C-alpha atoms as a PDB file:
ATOM      1  CA  MET A   1     -68.807 -12.115 -26.587  1.00  0.00           C
ATOM      2  CA  ALA A   2     -71.929 -10.191 -27.533  1.00  0.00           C
ATOM      3  CA  ARG A   3     -72.140  -6.847 -25.777  1.00  0.00           C
ATOM      4  CA  LYS A   4     -75.521  -5.197 -26.242  1.00  0.00           C
ATOM      5  CA  VAL A   5     -76.441  -1.937 -24.558  1.00  0.00           C
ATOM      6  CA  TRP A   6     -80.210  -2.324 -24.969  1.00  0.00           C
ATOM      7  CA  ALA A   7     -82.881  -4.999 -24.897  1.00  0.00           C
ATOM      8  CA  TYR A   8     -86.604  -5.676 -24.985  1.00  0.00           C
ATOM      9  CA  ALA A   9     -88.324  -7.273 -21.987  1.00  0.00           C
ATOM     10  CA  LYS A  10     -91.250  -9.502 -21.059  1.00  0.00           C
ATOM     11  CA  ASP A  11     -93.272  -8.876 -17.905  1.00  0.00           C
ATOM     12  CA  LYS A  12     -94.411 -11.401 -15.301  1.00  0.00           C
ATOM     13  CA  ASN A  13     -97.233 -12.422 -17.661  1.00  0.00           C
ATOM     14  CA  HIS A  14     -94.662 -13.342 -20.336  1.00  0.00           C
ATOM     15  CA  GLN A  15     -95.773 -10.504 -22.620  1.00  0.00           C
ATOM     16  CA  PHE A  16     -93.427  -8.090 -24.357  1.00  0.00           C
ATOM     17  CA  ILE A  17     -93.607  -4.618 -22.819  1.00  0.00           C
ATOM     18  CA  TYR A  18     -94.640  -1.738 -25.088  1.00  0.00           C
ATOM     19  CA  GLU A  19     -94.275   1.997 -24.641  1.00  0.00           C
ATOM     20  CA  LYS A  20     -97.369   3.588 -23.129  1.00  0.00           C
ATOM     21  CA  GLN A  21     -99.743   4.874 -25.803  1.00  0.00           C
ATOM     22  CA  ALA A  22     -97.397   3.652 -28.548  1.00  0.00           C
ATOM     23  CA  GLU A  23     -97.116   0.652 -30.815  1.00  0.00           C
ATOM     24  CA  GLN A  24     -93.371   0.247 -30.402  1.00  0.00           C
ATOM     25  CA  LEU A  25     -91.626  -2.010 -27.929  1.00  0.00           C
ATOM     26  CA  LYS A  26     -90.062  -0.344 -24.916  1.00  0.00           C
ATOM     27  CA  ILE A  27     -86.274  -0.014 -24.950  1.00  0.00           C
ATOM     28  CA  PHE A  28     -84.489  -1.114 -21.789  1.00  0.00           C
ATOM     29  CA  TYR A  29     -81.065   0.537 -21.525  1.00  0.00           C
ATOM     30  CA  ILE A  30     -78.465  -1.458 -19.631  1.00  0.00           C
ATOM     31  CA  TRP A  31     -77.709   1.410 -17.214  1.00  0.00           C
ATOM     32  CA  ASP A  32     -81.394   1.769 -16.294  1.00  0.00           C
ATOM     33  CA  VAL A  33     -81.749  -1.993 -15.835  1.00  0.00           C
ATOM     34  CA  LEU A  34     -78.762  -2.194 -13.485  1.00  0.00           C
ATOM     35  CA  ARG A  35     -80.115   0.752 -11.470  1.00  0.00           C
ATOM     36  CA  LEU A  36     -83.459  -1.045 -11.241  1.00  0.00           C
ATOM     37  CA  LYS A  37     -81.703  -4.220 -10.071  1.00  0.00           C
ATOM     38  CA  ALA A  38     -79.954  -2.304  -7.282  1.00  0.00           C
ATOM     39  CA  ARG A  39     -82.896  -0.194  -6.160  1.00  0.00           C
ATOM     40  CA  ASN A  40     -85.883  -2.467  -6.742  1.00  0.00           C
ATOM     41  CA  PRO A  41     -84.742  -6.093  -7.042  1.00  0.00           C
ATOM     42  CA  ASP A  42     -88.281  -7.493  -6.804  1.00  0.00           C
ATOM     43  CA  GLU A  43     -89.412  -5.521  -9.857  1.00  0.00           C
ATOM     44  CA  TYR A  44     -86.212  -6.491 -11.665  1.00  0.00           C
ATOM     45  CA  LYS A  45     -86.850 -10.203 -11.044  1.00  0.00           C
ATOM     46  CA  GLU A  46     -90.246  -9.941 -12.759  1.00  0.00           C
ATOM     47  CA  LEU A  47     -88.558  -9.046 -16.062  1.00  0.00           C
ATOM     48  CA  LYS A  48     -86.927 -11.256 -18.666  1.00  0.00           C
ATOM     49  CA  PHE A  49     -84.758  -9.540 -21.259  1.00  0.00           C
ATOM     50  CA  TYR A  50     -84.516 -10.381 -24.941  1.00  0.00           C
ATOM     51  CA  SER A  51     -82.516  -9.391 -28.008  1.00  0.00           C
ATOM     52  CA  THR A  52     -84.045  -6.809 -30.303  1.00  0.00           C
ATOM     53  CA  GLU A  53     -84.629  -8.470 -33.676  1.00  0.00           C
ATOM     54  CA  PHE A  54     -87.736  -7.354 -35.566  1.00  0.00           C
ATOM     55  CA  ASP A  55     -89.006 -10.905 -35.980  1.00  0.00           C
ATOM     56  CA  GLU A  56     -90.047 -12.152 -32.559  1.00  0.00           C
ATOM     57  CA  ILE A  57     -89.098 -15.728 -33.416  1.00  0.00           C
ATOM     58  CA  ASN A  58     -85.441 -14.644 -33.644  1.00  0.00           C
ATOM     59  CA  ARG A  59     -85.292 -12.960 -30.231  1.00  0.00           C
ATOM     60  CA  LEU A  60     -83.180 -14.745 -27.638  1.00  0.00           C
ATOM     61  CA  GLU A  61     -83.000 -14.330 -23.881  1.00  0.00           C
ATOM     62  CA  LEU A  62     -80.345 -12.017 -22.469  1.00  0.00           C
ATOM     63  CA  THR A  63     -78.832 -11.420 -19.044  1.00  0.00           C
ATOM     64  CA  ALA A  64     -77.603  -8.111 -17.649  1.00  0.00           C
ATOM     65  CA  SER A  65     -73.891  -8.005 -16.833  1.00  0.00           C
ATOM     66  CA  GLU A  66     -72.565  -5.802 -14.045  1.00  0.00           C
ATOM     67  CA  HIS A  67     -69.859  -4.654 -16.478  1.00  0.00           C
ATOM     68  CA  GLY A  68     -72.429  -2.656 -18.419  1.00  0.00           C
ATOM     69  CA  PHE A  69     -73.886  -4.782 -21.194  1.00  0.00           C
ATOM     70  CA  PHE A  70     -76.421  -7.490 -21.991  1.00  0.00           C
ATOM     71  CA  LYS A  71     -75.144 -10.872 -23.123  1.00  0.00           C
ATOM     72  CA  TYR A  72     -76.912 -13.971 -24.387  1.00  0.00           C
ATOM     73  CA  LYS A  73     -78.121 -16.296 -21.668  1.00  0.00           C
ATOM     74  CA  SER A  74     -76.943 -19.262 -23.722  1.00  0.00           C
ATOM     75  CA  GLU A  75     -73.162 -19.439 -23.435  1.00  0.00           C
ATOM     76  CA  GLN A  76     -72.890 -21.262 -26.767  1.00  0.00           C
ATOM     77  CA  ILE A  77     -74.733 -18.514 -28.647  1.00  0.00           C
ATOM     78  CA  ASP A  78     -72.731 -15.865 -26.801  1.00  0.00           C
ATOM     79  CA  GLU A  79     -69.450 -17.474 -27.837  1.00  0.00           C
ATOM     80  CA  GLU A  80     -70.542 -17.631 -31.475  1.00  0.00           C
ATOM     81  CA  THR A  81     -71.645 -13.983 -31.591  1.00  0.00           C
ATOM     82  CA  ARG A  82     -69.288 -11.039 -31.905  1.00  0.00           C
ATOM     83  CA  GLU A  83     -70.952  -7.706 -31.281  1.00  0.00           C
ATOM     84  CA  SER A  84     -69.113  -4.768 -29.780  1.00  0.00           C
ATOM     85  CA  ILE A  85     -70.327  -1.997 -27.516  1.00  0.00           C
ATOM     86  CA  TYR A  86     -69.554   0.376 -30.390  1.00  0.00           C
ATOM     87  CA  HIS A  87     -71.753  -1.506 -32.852  1.00  0.00           C
ATOM     88  CA  SER A  88     -74.682  -1.917 -30.483  1.00  0.00           C
ATOM     89  CA  THR A  89     -74.584   1.712 -29.325  1.00  0.00           C
ATOM     90  CA  ALA A  90     -74.407   3.133 -32.848  1.00  0.00           C
ATOM     91  CA  MET A  91     -77.353   0.971 -33.962  1.00  0.00           C
ATOM     92  CA  LEU A  92     -79.431   2.138 -31.015  1.00  0.00           C
ATOM     93  CA  ILE A  93     -78.726   5.829 -31.560  1.00  0.00           C
ATOM     94  CA  LEU A  94     -79.450   5.702 -35.289  1.00  0.00           C
ATOM     95  CA  MET A  95     -82.725   3.870 -34.641  1.00  0.00           C
ATOM     96  CA  GLU A  96     -83.795   6.597 -32.205  1.00  0.00           C
ATOM     97  CA  MET A  97     -83.234   9.406 -34.739  1.00  0.00           C
ATOM     98  CA  SER A  98     -86.126  10.651 -36.874  1.00  0.00           C
ATOM     99  CA  GLU A  99     -83.678  12.788 -38.882  1.00  0.00           C
ATOM    100  CA  ILE A 100     -80.131  11.824 -39.832  1.00  0.00           C
ATOM    101  CA  ASN A 101     -77.746  14.270 -41.464  1.00  0.00           C
ATOM    102  CA  PHE A 102     -75.573  11.970 -43.557  1.00  0.00           C
ATOM    103  CA  THR A 103     -72.271  13.140 -45.033  1.00  0.00           C
ATOM    104  CA  ILE A 104     -71.438  10.839 -47.949  1.00  0.00           C
ATOM    105  CA  ASP A 105     -68.322  11.694 -49.961  1.00  0.00           C
ATOM    106  CA  ASN A 106     -68.713  15.454 -50.472  1.00  0.00           C
ATOM    107  CA  ASP A 107     -72.512  15.464 -50.357  1.00  0.00           C
ATOM    108  CA  ASN A 108     -74.932  16.005 -47.485  1.00  0.00           C
ATOM    109  CA  TYR A 109     -78.288  14.244 -47.226  1.00  0.00           C
ATOM    110  CA  LEU A 110     -80.856  15.094 -44.578  1.00  0.00           C
ATOM    111  CA  LEU A 111     -82.882  11.889 -44.404  1.00  0.00           C
ATOM    112  CA  THR A 112     -86.119  11.805 -42.445  1.00  0.00           C
ATOM    113  CA  PHE A 113     -87.556   8.531 -41.179  1.00  0.00           C
ATOM    114  CA  SER A 114     -90.985   7.338 -40.093  1.00  0.00           C
ATOM    115  CA  LYS A 115     -89.786   4.061 -38.537  1.00  0.00           C
ATOM    116  CA  PHE A 116     -86.965   1.532 -38.317  1.00  0.00           C
ATOM    117  CA  LEU A 117     -86.897  -2.255 -38.310  1.00  0.00           C
ATOM    118  CA  VAL A 118     -84.093  -3.849 -36.294  1.00  0.00           C
ATOM    119  CA  GLU A 119     -82.337  -6.790 -37.931  1.00  0.00           C
ATOM    120  CA  PRO A 120     -85.311  -7.953 -40.025  1.00  0.00           C
ATOM    121  CA  CYS A 121     -84.894 -11.174 -41.992  1.00  0.00           C
ATOM    122  CA  LEU A 122     -84.744 -10.410 -45.719  1.00  0.00           C
ATOM    123  CA  ARG A 123     -85.132 -13.375 -48.060  1.00  0.00           C
ATOM    124  CA  PHE A 124     -83.991 -13.192 -51.677  1.00  0.00           C
ATOM    125  CA  LYS A 125     -84.926 -15.938 -54.096  1.00  0.00           C
ATOM    126  CA  HIS A 126     -82.995 -16.297 -57.358  1.00  0.00           C
ATOM    127  CA  PHE A 127     -84.028 -18.520 -60.243  1.00  0.00           C
ATOM    128  CA  ASP A 128     -80.788 -20.470 -60.388  1.00  0.00           C
ATOM    129  CA  LYS A 129     -79.742 -20.347 -56.726  1.00  0.00           C
ATOM    130  CA  ASP A 130     -80.942 -21.262 -53.273  1.00  0.00           C
ATOM    131  CA  GLU A 131     -82.718 -18.690 -51.139  1.00  0.00           C
ATOM    132  CA  GLU A 132     -80.440 -16.108 -49.529  1.00  0.00           C
ATOM    133  CA  LYS A 133     -81.118 -14.705 -46.051  1.00  0.00           C
ATOM    134  CA  TYR A 134     -79.741 -11.452 -44.716  1.00  0.00           C
ATOM    135  CA  TYR A 135     -80.210  -9.544 -41.471  1.00  0.00           C
ATOM    136  CA  PRO A 136     -79.295  -5.885 -42.010  1.00  0.00           C
ATOM    137  CA  ASP A 137     -78.679  -3.928 -38.816  1.00  0.00           C
ATOM    138  CA  LEU A 138     -81.490  -1.499 -39.584  1.00  0.00           C
ATOM    139  CA  VAL A 139     -84.028  -0.901 -42.324  1.00  0.00           C
ATOM    140  CA  GLY A 140     -85.247   2.677 -42.207  1.00  0.00           C
ATOM    141  CA  TYR A 141     -88.509   3.762 -43.831  1.00  0.00           C
ATOM    142  CA  PHE A 142     -88.445   7.323 -45.122  1.00  0.00           C
ATOM    143  CA  ALA A 143     -90.956  10.019 -44.311  1.00  0.00           C
ATOM    144  CA  ASP A 144     -92.960  11.021 -47.402  1.00  0.00           C
ATOM    145  CA  ASP A 145     -90.992  14.256 -47.893  1.00  0.00           C
ATOM    146  CA  CYS A 146     -87.540  12.636 -47.719  1.00  0.00           C
ATOM    147  CA  GLU A 147     -85.355  13.625 -50.681  1.00  0.00           C
ATOM    148  CA  LEU A 148     -84.441  10.023 -51.560  1.00  0.00           C
ATOM    149  CA  TYR A 149     -87.953   8.597 -51.118  1.00  0.00           C
ATOM    150  CA  ASP A 150     -88.676   8.169 -54.841  1.00  0.00           C
ATOM    151  CA  LYS A 151     -85.190   7.085 -55.855  1.00  0.00           C
ATOM    152  CA  TRP A 152     -84.939   4.353 -53.233  1.00  0.00           C
ATOM    153  CA  HIS A 153     -88.533   3.104 -53.049  1.00  0.00           C
ATOM    154  CA  GLY A 154     -89.028   4.662 -49.624  1.00  0.00           C
ATOM    155  CA  CYS A 155     -86.472   2.758 -47.544  1.00  0.00           C
ATOM    156  CA  VAL A 156     -82.784   2.069 -46.959  1.00  0.00           C
ATOM    157  CA  ALA A 157     -80.738  -0.579 -45.145  1.00  0.00           C
ATOM    158  CA  ILE A 158     -78.192   0.834 -42.712  1.00  0.00           C
ATOM    159  CA  GLU A 159     -75.205  -1.301 -41.796  1.00  0.00           C
ATOM    160  CA  VAL A 160     -72.922  -0.356 -38.904  1.00  0.00           C
ATOM    161  CA  VAL A 161     -69.458  -1.762 -39.535  1.00  0.00           C
ATOM    162  CA  PHE A 162     -66.770  -2.049 -36.883  1.00  0.00           C
ATOM    163  CA  THR A 163     -64.099  -4.267 -38.420  1.00  0.00           C
ATOM    164  CA  ASN A 164     -65.450  -5.786 -41.659  1.00  0.00           C
ATOM    165  CA  ASN A 165     -67.272  -3.943 -44.437  1.00  0.00           C
ATOM    166  CA  CYS A 166     -70.297  -5.436 -46.198  1.00  0.00           C
ATOM    167  CA  HIS A 167     -69.080  -8.180 -48.502  1.00  0.00           C
ATOM    168  CA  PHE A 168     -69.618  -7.990 -52.261  1.00  0.00           C
ATOM    169  CA  LYS A 169     -72.157 -10.821 -52.434  1.00  0.00           C
ATOM    170  CA  LYS A 170     -74.443  -9.096 -49.937  1.00  0.00           C
ATOM    171  CA  VAL A 171     -74.156  -5.704 -51.651  1.00  0.00           C
ATOM    172  CA  ASN A 172     -74.841  -7.286 -55.047  1.00  0.00           C
ATOM    173  CA  SER A 173     -77.913  -9.158 -53.744  1.00  0.00           C
ATOM    174  CA  PHE A 174     -79.374  -6.032 -52.157  1.00  0.00           C
ATOM    175  CA  GLU A 175     -78.868  -3.977 -55.314  1.00  0.00           C
ATOM    176  CA  LYS A 176     -80.460  -6.664 -57.502  1.00  0.00           C
ATOM    177  CA  ASN A 177     -83.467  -6.609 -55.172  1.00  0.00           C
ATOM    178  CA  HIS A 178     -83.707  -2.812 -55.260  1.00  0.00           C
ATOM    179  CA  ILE A 179     -82.607  -2.225 -51.660  1.00  0.00           C
ATOM    180  CA  PRO A 180     -80.035   0.526 -51.043  1.00  0.00           C
ATOM    181  CA  ILE A 181     -77.364   0.235 -48.352  1.00  0.00           C
ATOM    182  CA  ILE A 182     -75.684   3.010 -46.400  1.00  0.00           C
ATOM    183  CA  GLU A 183     -72.656   1.799 -44.469  1.00  0.00           C
ATOM    184  CA  VAL A 184     -71.670   3.623 -41.267  1.00  0.00           C
ATOM    185  CA  SER A 185     -68.149   2.828 -40.089  1.00  0.00           C
ATOM    186  CA  ILE A 186     -67.012   3.080 -36.475  1.00  0.00           C
ATOM    187  CA  SER A 187     -63.778   5.012 -36.907  1.00  0.00           C
ATOM    188  CA  GLU A 188     -61.038   5.528 -34.344  1.00  0.00           C
ATOM    189  CA  LYS A 189     -62.546   8.932 -33.572  1.00  0.00           C
ATOM    190  CA  LEU A 190     -65.851   7.348 -32.580  1.00  0.00           C
ATOM    191  CA  LYS A 191     -64.165   5.113 -30.011  1.00  0.00           C
ATOM    192  CA  LEU A 192     -63.464   8.162 -27.827  1.00  0.00           C
ATOM    193  CA  GLY A 193     -60.265   6.644 -26.500  1.00  0.00           C
ATOM    194  CA  THR A 194     -61.973   3.850 -24.563  1.00  0.00           C
ATOM    195  CA  GLU A 195     -61.114   0.246 -25.383  1.00  0.00           C
ATOM    196  CA  PHE A 196     -64.373  -1.673 -24.953  1.00  0.00           C
ATOM    197  CA  CYS A 197     -63.373  -4.720 -26.960  1.00  0.00           C
ATOM    198  CA  GLY A 198     -60.018  -5.571 -25.427  1.00  0.00           C
ATOM    199  CA  GLU A 199     -58.956  -6.618 -21.966  1.00  0.00           C
ATOM    200  CA  ILE A 200     -59.376  -3.225 -20.335  1.00  0.00           C
ATOM    201  CA  LYS A 201     -62.189  -3.212 -17.790  1.00  0.00           C
ATOM    202  CA  PHE A 202     -65.033  -0.739 -18.023  1.00  0.00           C
ATOM    203  CA  THR A 203     -68.155   0.097 -16.044  1.00  0.00           C
ATOM    204  CA  VAL A 204     -71.794   0.733 -16.861  1.00  0.00           C
ATOM    205  CA  ALA A 205     -71.068   4.424 -16.236  1.00  0.00           C
ATOM    206  CA  ASP A 206     -68.504   4.291 -19.066  1.00  0.00           C
ATOM    207  CA  VAL A 207     -71.087   2.779 -21.389  1.00  0.00           C
ATOM    208  CA  GLU A 208     -73.753   5.359 -20.546  1.00  0.00           C
ATOM    209  CA  LYS A 209     -71.230   8.165 -21.025  1.00  0.00           C
ATOM    210  CA  TYR A 210     -70.225   6.728 -24.394  1.00  0.00           C
ATOM    211  CA  TYR A 211     -73.878   6.502 -25.503  1.00  0.00           C
ATOM    212  CA  HIS A 212     -74.513  10.196 -24.759  1.00  0.00           C
ATOM    213  CA  ALA A 213     -71.218  11.303 -26.347  1.00  0.00           C
ATOM    214  CA  LEU A 214     -71.849   9.347 -29.557  1.00  0.00           C
ATOM    215  CA  LYS A 215     -75.456  10.571 -29.664  1.00  0.00           C
ATOM    216  CA  LYS A 216     -74.216  14.152 -29.546  1.00  0.00           C
ATOM    217  CA  MET A 217     -71.789  13.472 -32.412  1.00  0.00           C
ATOM    218  CA  PHE A 218     -74.444  11.747 -34.545  1.00  0.00           C
ATOM    219  CA  ALA A 219     -76.880  14.624 -33.963  1.00  0.00           C
ATOM    220  CA  ASN A 220     -74.417  16.845 -35.830  1.00  0.00           C
ATOM    221  CA  LYS A 221     -73.597  14.506 -38.724  1.00  0.00           C
ATOM    222  CA  VAL A 222     -73.127  10.842 -39.553  1.00  0.00           C
ATOM    223  CA  PHE A 223     -70.439   9.854 -42.028  1.00  0.00           C
ATOM    224  CA  GLY A 224     -71.606   7.122 -44.358  1.00  0.00           C
ATOM    225  CA  LYS A 225     -70.861   5.347 -47.596  1.00  0.00           C
ATOM    226  CA  ILE A 226     -73.419   4.229 -50.170  1.00  0.00           C
ATOM    227  CA  ARG A 227     -72.714   0.584 -51.008  1.00  0.00           C
ATOM    228  CA  SER A 228     -75.930  -0.282 -52.858  1.00  0.00           C
ATOM    229  CA  ASP A 229     -77.539   2.440 -54.967  1.00  0.00           C
ATOM    230  CA  PRO A 230     -80.517   1.145 -56.997  1.00  0.00           C
ATOM    231  CA  VAL A 231     -82.705   3.557 -58.921  1.00  0.00           C
ATOM    232  CA  SER A 232     -86.467   3.063 -59.008  1.00  0.00           C
ATOM    233  CA  LYS A 233     -88.248   3.035 -62.366  1.00  0.00           C
ATOM    234  CA  LYS A 234     -90.338   6.063 -61.370  1.00  0.00           C
ATOM    235  CA  PHE A 235     -87.272   8.079 -60.405  1.00  0.00           C
ATOM    236  CA  TYR A 236     -85.448   7.078 -63.608  1.00  0.00           C
ATOM    237  CA  GLN A 237     -88.393   8.078 -65.794  1.00  0.00           C
ATOM    238  CA  ASN A 238     -88.721  11.426 -64.022  1.00  0.00           C
END
């Protein structure tokens, strides 16, 4: 079952809701949505919630569960999708950070970002193969002064992994197409002793608490692993 902690929304005019005086879509946190449902049900009923892919055509309708997560309205899609609270929360927090202090092996990188794309569709065409499609969790665009801006052509894909690491074919395709990948693993430490993916019940208060706890940890440092490490021609020449 997909368990998402955030969503986009359309208003009663069937238009996606944007932040005031901003070009980015408004984030609806599950805990705020459930509070709205309890306190102002009429306003809640005017909203329809959607998944958060960058390409609007890929966004699907969601429903808010009283257990503290969004799930796909279509039961078939929901059954085919496996996304944990851990994965969804980590993606959200990373996307909200303009600076991320990555610890990779024994090195530290303070990466600054101007924007993120959520699960954009990347298409790679090879001469002797069919087109490949990939949907990285996040693609972050560096600020101009970021230390890896020149080396990595100004952007990086960030993959949050919970159980399975990025497979070799994906890593190889990204590197051939000059797109770096940083992999962030959800370790046992980041689960904070709460079993969100098993049979143990949890509440929306648990989810909100987990979000703030993980955000505090990520503000200090994020442990990552570089899986794709292309070098731009300009950086190589310099």
